[in-house]
N, C-alpha and C. Protein backbone atom coordinates (compact mmCIF):
# COMPACT_ATOMS: atom_id res chain seq x y z
N MET A 1 -38.02 23.84 -64.74
CA MET A 1 -36.83 24.07 -64.00
C MET A 1 -35.64 24.22 -64.93
N ILE A 2 -35.56 23.45 -65.98
CA ILE A 2 -34.47 23.57 -66.94
C ILE A 2 -34.51 24.93 -67.60
N ARG A 3 -35.67 25.42 -67.88
CA ARG A 3 -35.82 26.71 -68.51
C ARG A 3 -35.27 27.83 -67.64
N SER A 4 -35.42 27.69 -66.34
CA SER A 4 -34.95 28.75 -65.45
C SER A 4 -33.43 28.80 -65.40
N LEU A 5 -32.76 27.71 -65.62
CA LEU A 5 -31.30 27.71 -65.62
C LEU A 5 -30.75 28.54 -66.78
N PHE A 6 -31.36 28.39 -67.96
CA PHE A 6 -30.86 29.10 -69.13
C PHE A 6 -31.37 30.52 -69.23
N SER A 7 -32.47 30.79 -68.62
CA SER A 7 -33.03 32.13 -68.74
C SER A 7 -32.47 33.11 -67.72
N GLY A 8 -31.75 32.63 -66.71
CA GLY A 8 -31.17 33.52 -65.72
C GLY A 8 -32.13 33.89 -64.62
N LYS A 9 -33.28 33.26 -64.55
CA LYS A 9 -34.23 33.54 -63.50
C LYS A 9 -33.78 32.89 -62.19
N LYS A 10 -34.47 33.22 -61.10
CA LYS A 10 -34.14 32.66 -59.78
C LYS A 10 -34.28 31.15 -59.78
N LEU A 11 -33.42 30.51 -59.00
CA LEU A 11 -33.43 29.06 -58.91
C LEU A 11 -34.56 28.61 -58.00
N SER A 12 -34.99 27.40 -58.20
CA SER A 12 -36.07 26.87 -57.38
C SER A 12 -35.54 26.49 -55.99
N ASP A 13 -36.43 26.11 -55.10
CA ASP A 13 -36.07 25.72 -53.74
C ASP A 13 -35.16 24.49 -53.72
N GLU A 14 -35.31 23.62 -54.71
CA GLU A 14 -34.50 22.41 -54.76
C GLU A 14 -33.03 22.75 -54.94
N THR A 15 -32.70 23.70 -55.75
CA THR A 15 -31.30 24.04 -55.98
C THR A 15 -30.74 24.86 -54.83
N LYS A 16 -31.59 25.57 -54.10
CA LYS A 16 -31.11 26.30 -52.92
C LYS A 16 -30.66 25.32 -51.84
N GLN A 17 -31.28 24.16 -51.76
CA GLN A 17 -30.91 23.16 -50.76
C GLN A 17 -29.56 22.54 -51.08
N ASN A 18 -29.11 22.58 -52.28
CA ASN A 18 -27.83 22.02 -52.66
C ASN A 18 -26.69 23.01 -52.43
N LYS A 19 -26.95 24.09 -51.76
CA LYS A 19 -25.95 25.10 -51.45
C LYS A 19 -24.81 24.46 -50.66
N PRO A 20 -23.58 24.84 -50.90
CA PRO A 20 -22.46 24.20 -50.20
C PRO A 20 -22.59 24.35 -48.68
N ILE A 21 -22.37 23.23 -47.96
CA ILE A 21 -22.47 23.26 -46.50
C ILE A 21 -21.09 23.26 -45.86
N TRP A 22 -20.06 23.39 -46.62
CA TRP A 22 -18.71 23.35 -46.06
C TRP A 22 -18.40 24.54 -45.18
N ILE A 23 -19.05 25.67 -45.38
CA ILE A 23 -18.77 26.84 -44.55
C ILE A 23 -19.26 26.62 -43.11
N PRO A 24 -20.53 26.27 -42.89
CA PRO A 24 -20.95 26.03 -41.50
C PRO A 24 -20.27 24.80 -40.88
N LEU A 25 -20.03 23.78 -41.71
CA LEU A 25 -19.37 22.58 -41.21
C LEU A 25 -17.94 22.90 -40.78
N GLY A 26 -17.22 23.65 -41.57
CA GLY A 26 -15.85 24.04 -41.24
C GLY A 26 -15.80 24.90 -39.99
N ALA A 27 -16.75 25.81 -39.85
CA ALA A 27 -16.77 26.68 -38.68
C ALA A 27 -17.02 25.88 -37.40
N SER A 28 -17.97 24.97 -37.43
CA SER A 28 -18.25 24.18 -36.22
C SER A 28 -17.12 23.19 -35.93
N LEU A 29 -16.50 22.63 -36.96
CA LEU A 29 -15.37 21.73 -36.75
C LEU A 29 -14.18 22.49 -36.15
N SER A 30 -13.92 23.69 -36.64
CA SER A 30 -12.84 24.52 -36.11
C SER A 30 -13.10 24.88 -34.64
N ALA A 31 -14.32 25.22 -34.32
CA ALA A 31 -14.66 25.56 -32.94
C ALA A 31 -14.48 24.35 -32.02
N THR A 32 -14.89 23.19 -32.48
CA THR A 32 -14.75 21.97 -31.69
C THR A 32 -13.28 21.63 -31.46
N LEU A 33 -12.47 21.69 -32.51
CA LEU A 33 -11.04 21.41 -32.37
C LEU A 33 -10.36 22.43 -31.46
N GLY A 34 -10.74 23.69 -31.58
CA GLY A 34 -10.18 24.73 -30.72
C GLY A 34 -10.51 24.48 -29.25
N LEU A 35 -11.74 24.09 -28.97
CA LEU A 35 -12.15 23.78 -27.61
C LEU A 35 -11.39 22.57 -27.07
N ALA A 36 -11.21 21.54 -27.91
CA ALA A 36 -10.47 20.35 -27.49
C ALA A 36 -9.01 20.70 -27.20
N LEU A 37 -8.39 21.52 -28.04
CA LEU A 37 -7.01 21.93 -27.83
C LEU A 37 -6.87 22.75 -26.55
N PHE A 38 -7.80 23.66 -26.33
CA PHE A 38 -7.80 24.47 -25.11
C PHE A 38 -7.94 23.59 -23.87
N SER A 39 -8.84 22.60 -23.93
CA SER A 39 -9.04 21.68 -22.81
C SER A 39 -7.80 20.85 -22.54
N ALA A 40 -7.16 20.35 -23.60
CA ALA A 40 -5.94 19.55 -23.44
C ALA A 40 -4.83 20.38 -22.81
N CYS A 41 -4.65 21.60 -23.25
CA CYS A 41 -3.63 22.48 -22.66
C CYS A 41 -3.92 22.72 -21.18
N GLY A 42 -5.17 22.98 -20.85
CA GLY A 42 -5.55 23.20 -19.46
C GLY A 42 -5.29 21.97 -18.61
N PHE A 43 -5.59 20.78 -19.15
CA PHE A 43 -5.35 19.54 -18.41
C PHE A 43 -3.86 19.34 -18.14
N PHE A 44 -3.01 19.56 -19.13
CA PHE A 44 -1.57 19.37 -18.94
C PHE A 44 -0.99 20.38 -17.96
N ILE A 45 -1.48 21.60 -17.98
CA ILE A 45 -1.02 22.60 -17.00
C ILE A 45 -1.45 22.18 -15.60
N TRP A 46 -2.69 21.75 -15.45
CA TRP A 46 -3.21 21.30 -14.15
C TRP A 46 -2.41 20.10 -13.64
N ARG A 47 -2.14 19.14 -14.52
CA ARG A 47 -1.39 17.94 -14.13
C ARG A 47 0.04 18.29 -13.72
N ARG A 48 0.66 19.19 -14.44
CA ARG A 48 2.04 19.59 -14.11
C ARG A 48 2.09 20.23 -12.72
N ARG A 49 1.11 21.07 -12.42
CA ARG A 49 1.07 21.70 -11.10
C ARG A 49 0.89 20.65 -10.00
N ASN A 50 0.02 19.67 -10.22
CA ASN A 50 -0.22 18.63 -9.22
C ASN A 50 1.02 17.78 -9.00
N VAL A 51 1.75 17.46 -10.07
CA VAL A 51 2.97 16.67 -9.93
C VAL A 51 3.99 17.44 -9.11
N GLN A 52 4.11 18.74 -9.36
CA GLN A 52 5.06 19.55 -8.60
C GLN A 52 4.64 19.62 -7.13
N GLU A 53 3.33 19.72 -6.85
CA GLU A 53 2.85 19.74 -5.47
C GLU A 53 3.13 18.40 -4.80
N ASP A 54 2.93 17.27 -5.54
CA ASP A 54 3.19 15.95 -4.98
C ASP A 54 4.66 15.80 -4.62
N LYS A 55 5.56 16.30 -5.45
CA LYS A 55 6.98 16.22 -5.14
C LYS A 55 7.29 17.00 -3.87
N GLY A 56 6.64 18.13 -3.69
CA GLY A 56 6.82 18.91 -2.47
C GLY A 56 6.32 18.14 -1.26
N GLN A 57 5.21 17.40 -1.40
CA GLN A 57 4.70 16.61 -0.29
C GLN A 57 5.63 15.45 0.04
N GLU A 58 6.27 14.85 -0.99
CA GLU A 58 7.22 13.78 -0.73
C GLU A 58 8.38 14.29 0.10
N VAL A 59 8.87 15.47 -0.22
CA VAL A 59 9.97 16.05 0.54
C VAL A 59 9.52 16.31 1.97
N ARG A 60 8.28 16.79 2.16
CA ARG A 60 7.79 17.04 3.51
C ARG A 60 7.66 15.73 4.29
N LEU A 61 7.23 14.64 3.62
CA LEU A 61 7.13 13.35 4.29
C LEU A 61 8.52 12.86 4.70
N LEU A 62 9.48 12.97 3.80
CA LEU A 62 10.85 12.59 4.15
C LEU A 62 11.38 13.47 5.27
N ASP A 63 11.01 14.74 5.24
CA ASP A 63 11.44 15.66 6.29
C ASP A 63 10.88 15.19 7.63
N LEU A 64 9.63 14.76 7.64
CA LEU A 64 9.01 14.25 8.86
C LEU A 64 9.74 13.01 9.37
N VAL A 65 10.01 12.09 8.47
CA VAL A 65 10.61 10.82 8.87
C VAL A 65 12.07 10.97 9.23
N MET A 66 12.82 11.71 8.43
CA MET A 66 14.26 11.83 8.63
C MET A 66 14.63 12.93 9.63
N GLY A 67 13.72 13.84 9.90
CA GLY A 67 14.04 14.93 10.80
C GLY A 67 14.51 16.17 10.08
N SER A 68 14.90 16.03 8.84
CA SER A 68 15.30 17.17 8.01
C SER A 68 15.25 16.71 6.56
N VAL A 69 15.34 17.65 5.64
CA VAL A 69 15.32 17.29 4.23
C VAL A 69 16.60 16.53 3.93
N PRO A 70 16.50 15.32 3.34
CA PRO A 70 17.68 14.51 3.13
C PRO A 70 18.61 15.11 2.08
N ARG A 71 19.90 14.95 2.33
CA ARG A 71 20.91 15.39 1.36
C ARG A 71 21.88 14.23 1.18
N GLY A 72 22.10 13.87 -0.06
CA GLY A 72 23.04 12.80 -0.33
C GLY A 72 22.48 11.46 0.12
N ASN A 73 23.35 10.57 0.54
CA ASN A 73 22.96 9.23 0.97
C ASN A 73 22.62 9.26 2.45
N SER A 74 21.33 9.22 2.76
CA SER A 74 20.91 9.33 4.15
C SER A 74 21.24 8.08 4.96
N SER A 75 21.56 6.97 4.30
CA SER A 75 21.88 5.76 5.05
C SER A 75 23.20 5.88 5.77
N GLU A 76 24.05 6.83 5.38
CA GLU A 76 25.32 7.02 6.07
C GLU A 76 25.09 7.51 7.50
N ASN A 77 24.01 8.25 7.73
CA ASN A 77 23.73 8.81 9.05
C ASN A 77 22.88 7.88 9.91
N PHE A 78 22.59 6.72 9.43
CA PHE A 78 21.67 5.81 10.10
C PHE A 78 22.44 4.88 11.02
N ASP A 79 22.11 4.88 12.29
CA ASP A 79 22.79 4.04 13.27
C ASP A 79 21.84 2.93 13.70
N LEU A 80 22.06 1.73 13.21
CA LEU A 80 21.17 0.61 13.52
C LEU A 80 21.19 0.25 15.00
N GLN A 81 22.29 0.47 15.67
CA GLN A 81 22.41 0.05 17.06
C GLN A 81 21.52 0.87 18.00
N ASN A 82 21.07 2.05 17.59
CA ASN A 82 20.24 2.89 18.46
C ASN A 82 18.75 2.71 18.21
N ILE A 83 18.37 1.88 17.27
CA ILE A 83 16.96 1.76 16.92
C ILE A 83 16.12 1.22 18.07
N GLY A 84 16.49 0.12 18.64
CA GLY A 84 15.64 -0.54 19.63
C GLY A 84 15.84 -0.05 21.05
N ARG A 85 16.47 1.08 21.24
CA ARG A 85 16.80 1.53 22.59
C ARG A 85 15.84 2.57 23.15
N SER A 86 14.74 2.84 22.49
CA SER A 86 13.78 3.78 23.04
C SER A 86 12.54 3.02 23.49
N GLN A 87 11.75 3.62 24.37
CA GLN A 87 10.53 2.97 24.85
C GLN A 87 9.50 2.89 23.74
N GLU A 88 9.48 3.87 22.84
CA GLU A 88 8.50 3.86 21.75
C GLU A 88 8.75 2.71 20.79
N PHE A 89 9.99 2.31 20.67
CA PHE A 89 10.36 1.28 19.71
C PHE A 89 11.28 0.27 20.39
N PRO A 90 10.71 -0.70 21.12
CA PRO A 90 11.53 -1.58 21.94
C PRO A 90 12.32 -2.61 21.14
N SER A 91 13.41 -3.02 21.74
CA SER A 91 14.23 -4.10 21.20
C SER A 91 13.75 -5.40 21.83
N ILE A 92 13.64 -6.43 21.01
CA ILE A 92 13.19 -7.73 21.50
C ILE A 92 14.35 -8.70 21.33
N GLN A 93 14.65 -9.46 22.35
CA GLN A 93 15.80 -10.35 22.31
C GLN A 93 15.61 -11.47 21.30
N LEU A 94 16.70 -11.86 20.67
CA LEU A 94 16.68 -12.90 19.64
C LEU A 94 16.17 -14.22 20.19
N ASN A 95 16.58 -14.60 21.40
CA ASN A 95 16.14 -15.90 21.94
C ASN A 95 14.63 -15.94 22.17
N ILE A 96 14.02 -14.80 22.48
CA ILE A 96 12.56 -14.74 22.63
C ILE A 96 11.88 -14.97 21.29
N LEU A 97 12.42 -14.36 20.23
CA LEU A 97 11.84 -14.53 18.89
C LEU A 97 12.08 -15.93 18.35
N GLN A 98 13.23 -16.52 18.66
CA GLN A 98 13.49 -17.89 18.23
C GLN A 98 12.51 -18.86 18.91
N ALA A 99 12.26 -18.64 20.19
CA ALA A 99 11.30 -19.50 20.90
C ALA A 99 9.89 -19.30 20.36
N ALA A 100 9.53 -18.07 20.06
CA ALA A 100 8.18 -17.77 19.57
C ALA A 100 7.92 -18.38 18.20
N THR A 101 8.93 -18.43 17.35
CA THR A 101 8.77 -18.93 15.98
C THR A 101 9.26 -20.36 15.82
N ASN A 102 9.59 -21.03 16.95
CA ASN A 102 10.15 -22.38 16.92
C ASN A 102 11.42 -22.40 16.07
N ASN A 103 12.31 -21.46 16.38
CA ASN A 103 13.60 -21.29 15.69
C ASN A 103 13.40 -21.06 14.18
N PHE A 104 12.42 -20.22 13.84
CA PHE A 104 12.12 -19.85 12.46
C PHE A 104 11.84 -21.08 11.60
N CYS A 105 11.01 -21.95 12.15
CA CYS A 105 10.62 -23.20 11.49
C CYS A 105 9.81 -22.90 10.22
N ASP A 106 10.01 -23.73 9.19
CA ASP A 106 9.28 -23.54 7.93
C ASP A 106 7.77 -23.69 8.11
N GLU A 107 7.33 -24.45 9.11
CA GLU A 107 5.90 -24.59 9.37
C GLU A 107 5.27 -23.27 9.79
N ASN A 108 6.07 -22.37 10.36
CA ASN A 108 5.57 -21.07 10.81
C ASN A 108 5.77 -19.98 9.76
N LYS A 109 6.29 -20.33 8.61
CA LYS A 109 6.55 -19.34 7.56
C LYS A 109 5.24 -18.90 6.92
N LEU A 110 4.99 -17.59 6.95
CA LEU A 110 3.76 -17.03 6.37
C LEU A 110 3.95 -16.66 4.91
N GLY A 111 5.15 -16.26 4.55
CA GLY A 111 5.39 -15.83 3.17
C GLY A 111 6.82 -15.38 2.98
N GLN A 112 7.10 -14.96 1.76
CA GLN A 112 8.44 -14.53 1.38
C GLN A 112 8.31 -13.30 0.50
N GLY A 113 9.12 -12.29 0.76
CA GLY A 113 9.11 -11.08 -0.06
C GLY A 113 10.52 -10.69 -0.43
N GLY A 114 10.68 -9.52 -1.00
CA GLY A 114 11.99 -9.02 -1.37
C GLY A 114 12.87 -8.79 -0.16
N PHE A 115 12.26 -8.49 0.95
CA PHE A 115 12.99 -8.24 2.20
C PHE A 115 13.50 -9.56 2.78
N GLY A 116 12.67 -10.58 2.72
CA GLY A 116 13.01 -11.87 3.29
C GLY A 116 11.75 -12.56 3.78
N PRO A 117 11.90 -13.69 4.48
CA PRO A 117 10.73 -14.44 4.93
C PRO A 117 10.04 -13.78 6.13
N VAL A 118 8.75 -14.09 6.27
CA VAL A 118 7.95 -13.63 7.41
C VAL A 118 7.42 -14.87 8.13
N TYR A 119 7.59 -14.89 9.45
CA TYR A 119 7.20 -16.03 10.26
C TYR A 119 6.14 -15.62 11.28
N LYS A 120 5.26 -16.57 11.56
CA LYS A 120 4.28 -16.38 12.63
C LYS A 120 4.90 -16.91 13.92
N GLY A 121 4.65 -16.19 15.00
CA GLY A 121 5.17 -16.63 16.29
C GLY A 121 4.17 -16.37 17.39
N THR A 122 4.35 -17.07 18.50
CA THR A 122 3.51 -16.87 19.68
C THR A 122 4.43 -16.65 20.87
N LEU A 123 4.28 -15.49 21.50
CA LEU A 123 5.11 -15.16 22.66
C LEU A 123 4.66 -15.98 23.87
N ALA A 124 5.45 -15.97 24.93
CA ALA A 124 5.15 -16.74 26.14
C ALA A 124 3.81 -16.34 26.75
N ASP A 125 3.41 -15.08 26.59
CA ASP A 125 2.12 -14.63 27.15
C ASP A 125 0.94 -14.94 26.23
N GLY A 126 1.18 -15.64 25.11
CA GLY A 126 0.11 -16.02 24.19
C GLY A 126 -0.15 -15.04 23.06
N LYS A 127 0.53 -13.91 23.06
CA LYS A 127 0.33 -12.91 22.01
C LYS A 127 0.96 -13.40 20.70
N GLU A 128 0.16 -13.31 19.62
CA GLU A 128 0.65 -13.73 18.31
C GLU A 128 1.36 -12.57 17.63
N ILE A 129 2.48 -12.88 16.99
CA ILE A 129 3.29 -11.86 16.31
C ILE A 129 3.68 -12.37 14.92
N ALA A 130 4.09 -11.44 14.08
CA ALA A 130 4.68 -11.76 12.77
C ALA A 130 6.09 -11.20 12.79
N VAL A 131 7.06 -12.03 12.42
CA VAL A 131 8.46 -11.63 12.46
C VAL A 131 9.01 -11.62 11.04
N LYS A 132 9.45 -10.46 10.62
CA LYS A 132 10.04 -10.31 9.29
C LYS A 132 11.56 -10.39 9.46
N ARG A 133 12.17 -11.31 8.75
CA ARG A 133 13.60 -11.57 8.89
C ARG A 133 14.34 -11.08 7.65
N LEU A 134 15.30 -10.20 7.85
CA LEU A 134 16.08 -9.67 6.74
C LEU A 134 16.86 -10.79 6.08
N SER A 135 16.68 -10.92 4.78
CA SER A 135 17.41 -11.93 4.02
C SER A 135 18.88 -11.55 3.95
N ARG A 136 19.74 -12.48 4.27
CA ARG A 136 21.18 -12.21 4.24
C ARG A 136 21.70 -12.08 2.82
N THR A 137 20.96 -12.60 1.84
CA THR A 137 21.40 -12.54 0.45
C THR A 137 20.87 -11.31 -0.27
N SER A 138 20.02 -10.54 0.37
CA SER A 138 19.44 -9.35 -0.26
C SER A 138 20.48 -8.24 -0.33
N GLY A 139 20.78 -7.78 -1.53
CA GLY A 139 21.76 -6.71 -1.71
C GLY A 139 21.28 -5.39 -1.15
N GLN A 140 19.98 -5.14 -1.19
CA GLN A 140 19.42 -3.89 -0.70
C GLN A 140 18.76 -4.06 0.67
N GLY A 141 19.04 -5.14 1.33
CA GLY A 141 18.35 -5.44 2.57
C GLY A 141 18.54 -4.41 3.66
N LEU A 142 19.75 -3.92 3.86
CA LEU A 142 20.00 -2.96 4.93
C LEU A 142 19.25 -1.66 4.68
N LEU A 143 19.25 -1.20 3.43
CA LEU A 143 18.53 0.03 3.10
C LEU A 143 17.03 -0.17 3.28
N GLU A 144 16.50 -1.31 2.83
CA GLU A 144 15.08 -1.60 3.02
C GLU A 144 14.74 -1.65 4.50
N PHE A 145 15.59 -2.29 5.28
CA PHE A 145 15.38 -2.39 6.72
C PHE A 145 15.33 -1.00 7.35
N LYS A 146 16.28 -0.17 7.00
CA LYS A 146 16.34 1.19 7.54
C LYS A 146 15.08 1.97 7.18
N ASN A 147 14.69 1.91 5.91
CA ASN A 147 13.50 2.65 5.47
C ASN A 147 12.25 2.17 6.18
N GLU A 148 12.10 0.86 6.30
CA GLU A 148 10.90 0.33 6.94
C GLU A 148 10.86 0.70 8.42
N VAL A 149 11.98 0.57 9.10
CA VAL A 149 12.01 0.91 10.52
C VAL A 149 11.65 2.37 10.72
N MET A 150 12.26 3.25 9.94
CA MET A 150 12.02 4.68 10.14
C MET A 150 10.60 5.08 9.78
N LEU A 151 10.07 4.56 8.68
CA LEU A 151 8.72 4.92 8.28
C LEU A 151 7.66 4.35 9.21
N ILE A 152 7.72 3.06 9.45
CA ILE A 152 6.68 2.41 10.24
C ILE A 152 6.72 2.89 11.69
N ALA A 153 7.91 3.13 12.22
CA ALA A 153 8.00 3.60 13.60
C ALA A 153 7.34 4.96 13.78
N LYS A 154 7.41 5.81 12.78
CA LYS A 154 6.84 7.16 12.90
C LYS A 154 5.41 7.26 12.38
N LEU A 155 5.02 6.37 11.49
CA LEU A 155 3.71 6.47 10.84
C LEU A 155 2.77 5.38 11.34
N GLN A 156 2.49 5.35 12.61
CA GLN A 156 1.53 4.40 13.16
C GLN A 156 0.12 4.90 12.84
N HIS A 157 -0.74 4.00 12.40
CA HIS A 157 -2.11 4.35 12.03
C HIS A 157 -2.99 3.13 12.27
N ARG A 158 -4.27 3.35 12.52
CA ARG A 158 -5.16 2.22 12.81
C ARG A 158 -5.33 1.28 11.63
N ASN A 159 -5.08 1.74 10.40
CA ASN A 159 -5.20 0.89 9.22
C ASN A 159 -3.87 0.26 8.80
N LEU A 160 -2.83 0.46 9.59
CA LEU A 160 -1.53 -0.15 9.31
C LEU A 160 -1.23 -1.18 10.39
N VAL A 161 -0.53 -2.23 9.99
CA VAL A 161 -0.10 -3.21 10.97
C VAL A 161 0.91 -2.53 11.89
N ARG A 162 0.73 -2.71 13.20
CA ARG A 162 1.62 -2.05 14.16
C ARG A 162 2.96 -2.74 14.23
N LEU A 163 4.01 -1.94 14.23
CA LEU A 163 5.36 -2.43 14.44
C LEU A 163 5.61 -2.46 15.94
N LEU A 164 5.87 -3.64 16.49
CA LEU A 164 6.02 -3.79 17.93
C LEU A 164 7.45 -3.60 18.40
N GLY A 165 8.42 -3.91 17.55
CA GLY A 165 9.81 -3.78 17.93
C GLY A 165 10.72 -4.39 16.89
N CYS A 166 11.99 -4.51 17.26
CA CYS A 166 12.96 -5.09 16.33
C CYS A 166 14.01 -5.85 17.12
N CYS A 167 14.84 -6.56 16.39
CA CYS A 167 15.93 -7.30 17.00
C CYS A 167 17.15 -7.16 16.10
N LEU A 168 18.27 -6.77 16.70
CA LEU A 168 19.53 -6.62 15.97
C LEU A 168 20.62 -7.35 16.74
N GLU A 169 20.57 -8.67 16.72
CA GLU A 169 21.56 -9.48 17.43
C GLU A 169 22.15 -10.52 16.49
N LYS A 170 23.44 -10.83 16.69
CA LYS A 170 24.11 -11.92 15.97
C LYS A 170 23.87 -11.85 14.46
N ASN A 171 24.09 -10.71 13.88
CA ASN A 171 23.91 -10.49 12.43
C ASN A 171 22.48 -10.73 11.96
N GLU A 172 21.52 -10.77 12.85
CA GLU A 172 20.11 -10.89 12.49
C GLU A 172 19.49 -9.50 12.53
N LYS A 173 18.66 -9.23 11.57
CA LYS A 173 17.89 -7.98 11.53
C LYS A 173 16.43 -8.40 11.39
N LEU A 174 15.66 -8.23 12.46
CA LEU A 174 14.29 -8.71 12.51
C LEU A 174 13.35 -7.56 12.88
N LEU A 175 12.20 -7.54 12.23
CA LEU A 175 11.13 -6.61 12.57
C LEU A 175 9.97 -7.42 13.12
N VAL A 176 9.40 -6.96 14.22
CA VAL A 176 8.31 -7.68 14.88
C VAL A 176 7.04 -6.85 14.76
N TYR A 177 6.02 -7.45 14.14
CA TYR A 177 4.73 -6.80 13.92
C TYR A 177 3.65 -7.53 14.70
N GLU A 178 2.52 -6.83 14.90
CA GLU A 178 1.36 -7.53 15.42
C GLU A 178 0.90 -8.49 14.33
N PHE A 179 0.41 -9.64 14.74
CA PHE A 179 -0.05 -10.64 13.77
C PHE A 179 -1.48 -10.32 13.37
N MET A 180 -1.75 -10.35 12.08
CA MET A 180 -3.11 -10.14 11.58
C MET A 180 -3.63 -11.48 11.07
N PRO A 181 -4.77 -11.94 11.58
CA PRO A 181 -5.31 -13.22 11.11
C PRO A 181 -5.60 -13.17 9.61
N ASN A 182 -5.77 -14.32 9.04
CA ASN A 182 -5.92 -14.44 7.59
C ASN A 182 -7.29 -13.92 7.13
N LYS A 183 -7.39 -12.63 6.95
CA LYS A 183 -8.59 -12.00 6.42
C LYS A 183 -8.16 -11.02 5.35
N SER A 184 -9.12 -10.55 4.57
CA SER A 184 -8.77 -9.63 3.50
C SER A 184 -8.56 -8.22 4.06
N LEU A 185 -7.84 -7.43 3.32
CA LEU A 185 -7.61 -6.04 3.70
C LEU A 185 -8.94 -5.28 3.77
N ASP A 186 -9.88 -5.62 2.87
CA ASP A 186 -11.19 -4.97 2.89
C ASP A 186 -11.90 -5.19 4.22
N MET A 187 -11.71 -6.36 4.80
CA MET A 187 -12.35 -6.65 6.09
C MET A 187 -11.82 -5.72 7.17
N PHE A 188 -10.52 -5.47 7.16
CA PHE A 188 -9.94 -4.61 8.17
C PHE A 188 -10.27 -3.15 7.93
N LEU A 189 -10.31 -2.75 6.67
CA LEU A 189 -10.55 -1.34 6.37
C LEU A 189 -12.03 -0.98 6.42
N PHE A 190 -12.88 -1.85 5.89
CA PHE A 190 -14.28 -1.47 5.71
C PHE A 190 -15.26 -2.40 6.40
N GLY A 191 -14.78 -3.47 7.03
CA GLY A 191 -15.67 -4.41 7.69
C GLY A 191 -16.43 -5.28 6.72
N LEU A 192 -15.91 -5.45 5.50
CA LEU A 192 -16.59 -6.24 4.48
C LEU A 192 -16.08 -7.67 4.49
N ILE A 193 -16.97 -8.60 4.25
CA ILE A 193 -16.56 -9.99 4.03
C ILE A 193 -16.89 -10.29 2.58
N LEU A 194 -15.84 -10.49 1.79
CA LEU A 194 -16.02 -10.74 0.36
C LEU A 194 -16.13 -12.24 0.11
N GLN A 195 -17.09 -12.63 -0.69
CA GLN A 195 -17.27 -14.03 -1.03
C GLN A 195 -16.33 -14.40 -2.18
N PRO A 196 -15.66 -15.57 -2.11
CA PRO A 196 -14.75 -15.95 -3.20
C PRO A 196 -15.49 -16.34 -4.45
């Protein structure tokens, strides 16, 4: 083999195997990177289109709830006094809710959120309700109240807790929902009982 190197004769099979592999390796690496770049560009274009479509759907949802596409501060056009005056969305008297919740007793308190506390109550006919009471210290409470009333009143669904009515008396802003017993959301949606 040494003799063939100096004599200029053909190289043996062993030296042919040492041929540089950077050409095929570079070609396949370039093809792989090109495909990855093409896929990434396609993904970002697809995602951008979906985000734009989602924004259009949000406007359509607001259009459904508000009656038209909102312009400016929609809370200026919101009249709280007219909310409970329709048959679809009844007004419930404050004294009835006070009696049902034992005057909003802490023993009947189910929880506390950004909106305010939620109380369990039982009406005179035995029907159990949940009463959400607007916190007087909440800076965004009126806007939250308006949004919840408008959305929940129009978007009734079997998988959502039903809004039964509201109360707007004596500086109280209350939402009255059907009471859901203490079960998991999975139980209501899928009929599953999850073990702890």
